[in-house]
Amino acid sequence: MSQSRRQFLNSLAVSAGAAALSEIAWAESNAAAYPLSCNQYSWITFYARDGRDWGKDPDASLTEFASTGLKAYEPAFNHVEEVPKLLPLLKKHGLVMPSVYVNTLLHQSGEATKSIESVLAIADALKPADTEIIVTNPNPLQWGGDKNKSDEELVEQAKNLDKLGAELKKRGMILAYHTHDVELRAAAREFHHMLLSTDPKHVSLCLDVHWVYRGSGNSQVALFDIVKLYGKRITELHLRQSKGGIWQETFTEGDIDYSRLVNELNALNVKPHLVLEQCLEKTSPKTMDAVRAHKEDMVYVKKVFGV
């Protein structure tokens, strides 16, 4: 039986939608298979509080990291030369690296080209580590300043973010868009434009739960609205908790209802890669060292996420 033009177009749309959902499901199933990881930034803050320098002696730092029982590590790379220096240490300490964090500068065309080339070089160097997720935060114009990017810069940034994601996809890798609080300013225009103007097959979301919460004025309403809007694109979670708006030493019960988050993600059949990032700030409690804190983090993650 011949199809009408509308039926034909609808069938194409359904096929395209199924393909997109297949891409998302692939990312979810892979992310869920990774062991609980921890970002290096939380360790930087614990070390700094004690007057120590995380990474000054990388072998000693990773010895403490591995002593917690953590099996996966999410470092931040600025230059491709850093990758081969880290890989032997990960092997020595029995650590895997499912994801890495990189900063990018994508809102200016000339700088964006250099930034994309840098990330792709890092991605190629990561092949021996079987890393699959590249988390990126396109840098704000002024960290901590009050200047927002222009509309033209946001359009340029989204175009380059999608381009980077497409190139990483060719390498069998996933690009996960990450934010801090500044992207939530001005009606969250930067945050929403990056997700609405990029292809889900190229750009997924690393939901940094507490930065979204803080960036929206300590609002769980805003946080869970974002989960409702973009939940299917979440490939990774950065996990942090506060009490009374202050970051705590351990990931535990507090301002953000993580049990609800788990339930909502389960309802979407989304199983993201879990990455601890329980950092300290000036007003955080001081009762334990980094090793003990991260051991306690792991207990609560298992309780809430079942991993």
Protein backbone atom coordinates (compact mmCIF):
# COMPACT_ATOMS: atom_id res chain seq x y z
CA MET A 1 0.00 0.00 0.00
CA SER A 2 1.43 3.39 -0.93
CA GLN A 3 2.09 5.89 1.84
CA SER A 4 0.90 9.45 1.88
CA ARG A 5 3.59 12.16 2.01
CA ARG A 6 2.66 12.88 5.64
CA GLN A 7 2.90 9.20 6.59
CA PHE A 8 6.26 8.96 4.87
CA LEU A 9 7.61 12.03 6.68
CA ASN A 10 6.23 10.76 9.97
CA SER A 11 7.96 7.42 9.46
CA LEU A 12 11.23 9.24 8.82
CA ALA A 13 10.76 11.27 11.99
CA VAL A 14 10.04 8.13 14.01
CA SER A 15 13.13 6.45 12.57
CA ALA A 16 15.27 9.47 13.34
CA GLY A 17 13.84 9.61 16.84
CA ALA A 18 14.53 5.94 17.37
CA ALA A 19 18.09 6.44 16.20
CA ALA A 20 18.57 9.33 18.62
CA LEU A 21 17.12 7.29 21.47
CA SER A 22 19.40 4.43 20.50
CA GLU A 23 22.40 6.75 20.75
CA ILE A 24 21.26 7.93 24.18
CA ALA A 25 20.59 4.38 25.37
CA TRP A 26 24.08 3.38 24.24
CA ALA A 27 25.59 6.19 26.26
CA GLU A 28 23.48 5.31 29.29
CA SER A 29 24.30 1.62 29.23
CA ASN A 30 28.01 2.32 28.93
CA ALA A 31 27.96 4.95 31.67
CA ALA A 32 26.15 2.63 34.03
CA ALA A 33 28.86 0.01 33.59
CA TYR A 34 31.60 2.22 35.00
CA PRO A 35 32.70 1.94 38.64
CA LEU A 36 32.11 4.84 41.01
CA SER A 37 34.70 7.50 40.22
CA CYS A 38 36.05 10.60 41.94
CA ASN A 39 37.17 13.88 40.44
CA GLN A 40 40.58 15.24 41.37
CA TYR A 41 39.16 18.62 42.39
CA SER A 42 37.75 17.38 45.69
CA TRP A 43 41.21 16.09 46.62
CA ILE A 44 42.76 19.41 45.65
CA THR A 45 40.50 21.19 48.16
CA PHE A 46 41.18 18.72 50.98
CA TYR A 47 44.92 18.92 50.41
CA ALA A 48 44.85 22.72 50.20
CA ARG A 49 43.08 22.93 53.56
CA ASP A 50 45.97 21.01 55.11
CA GLY A 51 48.62 23.09 53.37
CA ARG A 52 49.44 20.30 50.93
CA ASP A 53 49.67 20.27 47.15
CA TRP A 54 47.68 17.55 45.40
CA GLY A 55 49.70 16.21 42.51
CA LYS A 56 53.06 17.61 43.63
CA ASP A 57 54.03 13.97 44.11
CA PRO A 58 51.49 12.21 41.84
CA ASP A 59 52.48 8.73 43.01
CA ALA A 60 51.96 9.60 46.68
CA SER A 61 48.69 11.39 45.91
CA LEU A 62 47.27 8.43 44.02
CA THR A 63 48.45 6.07 46.77
CA GLU A 64 46.12 7.92 49.18
CA PHE A 65 43.36 8.00 46.57
CA ALA A 66 43.54 4.24 46.01
CA SER A 67 43.66 3.54 49.77
CA THR A 68 40.00 4.62 49.99
CA GLY A 69 38.88 1.72 47.84
CA LEU A 70 37.95 3.95 44.91
CA LYS A 71 38.64 2.22 41.61
CA ALA A 72 38.13 5.05 39.11
CA TYR A 73 39.63 8.51 38.80
CA GLU A 74 38.52 11.59 36.86
CA PRO A 75 41.49 13.92 36.35
CA ALA A 76 41.55 17.29 34.61
CA PHE A 77 43.86 17.74 31.65
CA ASN A 78 45.04 21.03 30.22
CA HIS A 79 47.67 19.71 27.81
CA VAL A 80 48.12 16.47 25.89
CA GLU A 81 51.59 16.01 27.41
CA GLU A 82 49.97 15.36 30.80
CA VAL A 83 48.24 12.18 29.63
CA PRO A 84 51.21 9.80 29.15
CA LYS A 85 52.63 10.91 32.50
CA LEU A 86 49.49 9.77 34.32
CA LEU A 87 48.73 6.47 32.58
CA PRO A 88 51.53 4.39 34.20
CA LEU A 89 50.52 5.63 37.66
CA LEU A 90 46.91 4.62 37.11
CA LYS A 91 48.06 1.14 36.13
CA LYS A 92 50.35 0.94 39.17
CA HIS A 93 47.49 1.79 41.56
CA GLY A 94 44.85 -0.32 39.84
CA LEU A 95 42.76 2.65 38.78
CA VAL A 96 40.67 3.09 35.65
CA MET A 97 39.77 6.38 33.99
CA PRO A 98 36.31 6.18 32.34
CA SER A 99 36.06 9.98 32.14
CA VAL A 100 38.28 13.04 32.13
CA TYR A 101 37.61 16.74 32.57
CA VAL A 102 38.88 19.46 30.24
CA ASN A 103 38.21 23.16 30.02
CA THR A 104 37.50 24.64 26.60
CA LEU A 105 37.17 28.10 25.15
CA LEU A 106 34.55 27.88 22.43
CA HIS A 107 32.80 31.25 22.19
CA GLN A 108 35.49 32.87 20.00
CA SER A 109 36.08 31.26 16.61
CA GLY A 110 39.87 31.53 16.50
CA GLU A 111 40.41 30.32 20.05
CA ALA A 112 37.75 27.65 19.59
CA THR A 113 39.70 26.03 16.76
CA LYS A 114 42.78 25.76 18.97
CA SER A 115 40.71 24.47 21.88
CA ILE A 116 39.02 21.78 19.80
CA GLU A 117 42.39 20.65 18.42
CA SER A 118 43.77 20.44 21.97
CA VAL A 119 40.85 18.33 23.22
CA LEU A 120 41.06 15.97 20.24
CA ALA A 121 44.79 15.51 20.83
CA ILE A 122 44.03 14.64 24.48
CA ALA A 123 41.29 12.25 23.32
CA ASP A 124 43.69 10.45 20.97
CA ALA A 125 46.29 10.15 23.74
CA LEU A 126 43.64 8.57 25.99
CA LYS A 127 43.06 5.56 23.73
CA PRO A 128 45.25 3.22 25.85
CA ALA A 129 43.12 4.08 28.89
CA ASP A 130 39.78 3.20 27.23
CA THR A 131 38.39 6.55 28.37
CA GLU A 132 34.93 7.14 26.91
CA ILE A 133 33.60 10.37 28.41
CA ILE A 134 35.16 13.80 27.90
CA VAL A 135 33.59 16.33 30.27
CA THR A 136 34.00 19.94 29.26
CA ASN A 137 33.09 23.30 30.72
CA PRO A 138 33.37 26.09 28.13
CA ASN A 139 35.05 28.80 30.17
CA PRO A 140 33.05 31.86 31.21
CA LEU A 141 34.35 35.26 30.17
CA GLN A 142 35.17 36.13 33.75
CA TRP A 143 35.33 33.49 36.46
CA GLY A 144 33.41 35.05 39.32
CA GLY A 145 32.72 38.23 37.37
CA ASP A 146 29.35 39.67 36.43
CA LYS A 147 29.83 39.82 32.65
CA ASN A 148 27.80 37.41 30.57
CA LYS A 149 28.57 36.18 27.07
CA SER A 150 26.76 37.95 24.22
CA ASP A 151 24.11 36.21 22.15
CA GLU A 152 26.59 36.02 19.26
CA GLU A 153 29.15 34.35 21.51
CA LEU A 154 26.59 31.81 22.74
CA VAL A 155 25.66 30.91 19.16
CA GLU A 156 29.35 30.48 18.31
CA GLN A 157 29.96 28.41 21.44
CA ALA A 158 27.06 26.04 20.77
CA LYS A 159 28.22 25.52 17.18
CA ASN A 160 31.73 24.64 18.35
CA LEU A 161 30.47 22.46 21.21
CA ASP A 162 28.48 20.41 18.72
CA LYS A 163 31.48 20.23 16.37
CA LEU A 164 33.70 18.94 19.18
CA GLY A 165 31.08 16.37 20.17
CA ALA A 166 30.76 15.14 16.58
CA GLU A 167 34.53 14.70 16.31
CA LEU A 168 34.69 12.80 19.60
CA LYS A 169 31.80 10.58 18.50
CA LYS A 170 33.89 9.53 15.48
CA ARG A 171 36.47 8.35 18.01
CA GLY A 172 33.88 6.35 19.94
CA MET A 173 33.80 8.89 22.78
CA ILE A 174 31.06 10.92 24.45
CA LEU A 175 31.20 14.68 25.04
CA ALA A 176 29.45 15.71 28.26
CA TYR A 177 28.62 19.39 28.75
CA HIS A 178 29.33 20.63 32.29
CA THR A 179 28.50 23.88 34.05
CA HIS A 180 29.25 25.78 37.21
CA ASP A 181 26.90 28.41 38.61
CA VAL A 182 27.57 31.25 36.13
CA GLU A 183 25.85 29.46 33.25
CA LEU A 184 22.62 29.58 35.26
CA ARG A 185 22.58 33.38 35.38
CA ALA A 186 20.25 35.53 33.25
CA ALA A 187 17.44 32.98 32.98
CA ALA A 188 20.04 30.24 32.47
CA ARG A 189 20.38 31.44 28.88
CA GLU A 190 23.85 29.94 28.39
CA PHE A 191 22.92 26.58 29.90
CA HIS A 192 19.72 26.18 27.88
CA HIS A 193 21.21 27.38 24.61
CA MET A 194 24.04 24.86 24.79
CA LEU A 195 21.57 21.99 25.12
CA LEU A 196 18.85 23.28 22.80
CA SER A 197 21.30 24.14 20.01
CA THR A 198 23.37 20.97 19.99
CA ASP A 199 22.58 17.49 18.73
CA PRO A 200 21.95 14.96 21.53
CA LYS A 201 23.98 12.46 19.50
CA HIS A 202 26.97 14.80 19.82
CA VAL A 203 26.55 16.48 23.21
CA SER A 204 25.33 14.82 26.40
CA LEU A 205 25.07 16.39 29.86
CA CYS A 206 27.32 16.02 32.86
CA LEU A 207 24.89 17.22 35.51
CA ASP A 208 26.92 18.83 38.27
CA VAL A 209 24.06 18.62 40.70
CA HIS A 210 25.17 21.14 43.30
CA TRP A 211 26.40 23.79 40.85
CA VAL A 212 22.98 23.74 39.21
CA TYR A 213 21.36 23.91 42.65
CA ARG A 214 23.57 26.81 43.77
CA GLY A 215 23.44 28.60 40.43
CA SER A 216 19.66 28.71 40.58
CA GLY A 217 19.60 30.24 44.04
CA ASN A 218 19.69 26.97 46.02
CA SER A 219 16.59 25.75 44.24
CA GLN A 220 15.59 22.11 44.04
CA VAL A 221 12.65 23.23 41.90
CA ALA A 222 15.09 24.45 39.24
CA LEU A 223 17.30 21.38 39.61
CA PHE A 224 14.48 18.91 39.07
CA ASP A 225 12.99 20.98 36.25
CA ILE A 226 16.34 20.58 34.48
CA VAL A 227 16.19 16.83 35.07
CA LYS A 228 12.70 16.84 33.57
CA LEU A 229 13.86 18.83 30.54
CA TYR A 230 17.19 17.17 29.83
CA GLY A 231 17.26 13.99 31.90
CA LYS A 232 17.62 11.69 28.89
CA ARG A 233 20.87 13.47 27.98
CA ILE A 234 22.56 12.91 31.35
CA THR A 235 25.60 10.70 30.89
CA GLU A 236 27.40 11.64 34.10
CA LEU A 237 26.64 13.08 37.54
CA HIS A 238 29.02 15.09 39.70
CA LEU A 239 28.00 14.41 43.29
CA ARG A 240 28.27 17.02 46.04
CA GLN A 241 26.15 17.88 49.05
CA SER A 242 25.64 20.88 51.29
CA LYS A 243 23.81 21.70 54.51
CA GLY A 244 22.42 25.19 54.84
CA GLY A 245 24.08 25.98 51.52
CA ILE A 246 27.58 25.10 52.80
CA TRP A 247 29.58 22.27 51.22
CA GLN A 248 30.10 19.46 53.70
CA GLU A 249 33.11 17.19 54.20
CA THR A 250 31.15 14.12 53.15
CA PHE A 251 28.50 13.22 50.64
CA THR A 252 25.51 12.51 52.85
CA GLU A 253 21.97 13.72 53.54
CA GLY A 254 21.58 17.46 53.19
CA ASP A 255 20.05 20.20 51.07
CA ILE A 256 19.64 18.16 47.89
CA ASP A 257 17.27 15.21 47.84
CA TYR A 258 19.46 12.65 46.09
CA SER A 259 16.98 9.85 46.71
CA ARG A 260 14.47 11.78 44.64
CA LEU A 261 17.09 12.33 41.96
CA VAL A 262 17.75 8.58 41.79
CA ASN A 263 14.02 7.88 41.51
CA GLU A 264 13.56 10.41 38.72
CA LEU A 265 16.53 9.11 36.76
CA ASN A 266 15.33 5.53 37.23
CA ALA A 267 11.93 6.55 35.86
CA LEU A 268 13.72 7.83 32.77
CA ASN A 269 15.80 4.63 32.62
CA VAL A 270 18.94 6.76 32.86
CA LYS A 271 21.97 5.21 34.59
CA PRO A 272 24.75 7.83 34.48
CA HIS A 273 28.39 7.49 35.37
CA LEU A 274 28.75 8.56 39.02
CA VAL A 275 31.63 10.85 39.97
CA LEU A 276 32.22 12.09 43.51
CA GLU A 277 33.20 15.73 43.80
CA GLN A 278 32.58 16.50 47.48
CA CYS A 279 34.71 19.64 47.73
CA LEU A 280 35.50 22.01 50.55
CA GLU A 281 35.05 25.77 50.82
CA LYS A 282 36.15 28.19 53.53
CA THR A 283 33.10 27.58 55.74
CA SER A 284 33.06 23.77 55.39
CA PRO A 285 33.42 21.71 58.60
CA LYS A 286 36.87 20.39 59.48
CA THR A 287 36.65 17.04 61.25
CA MET A 288 38.42 14.49 59.04
CA ASP A 289 41.04 14.00 56.37
CA ALA A 290 40.50 13.27 52.68
CA VAL A 291 40.87 9.50 52.95
CA ARG A 292 38.28 9.10 55.71
CA ALA A 293 35.90 11.55 54.03
CA HIS A 294 35.98 9.71 50.73
CA LYS A 295 35.47 6.35 52.42
CA GLU A 296 32.32 7.77 54.02
CA ASP A 297 31.23 9.20 50.66
CA MET A 298 31.34 5.73 49.16
CA VAL A 299 29.09 4.32 51.88
CA TYR A 300 26.39 6.91 51.21
CA VAL A 301 26.63 6.54 47.43
CA LYS A 302 26.04 2.82 47.83
CA LYS A 303 23.07 3.48 50.09
CA VAL A 304 21.41 5.96 47.71
CA PHE A 305 22.48 4.75 44.27
CA GLY A 306 22.90 1.06 45.07
CA VAL A 307 26.41 0.81 43.59
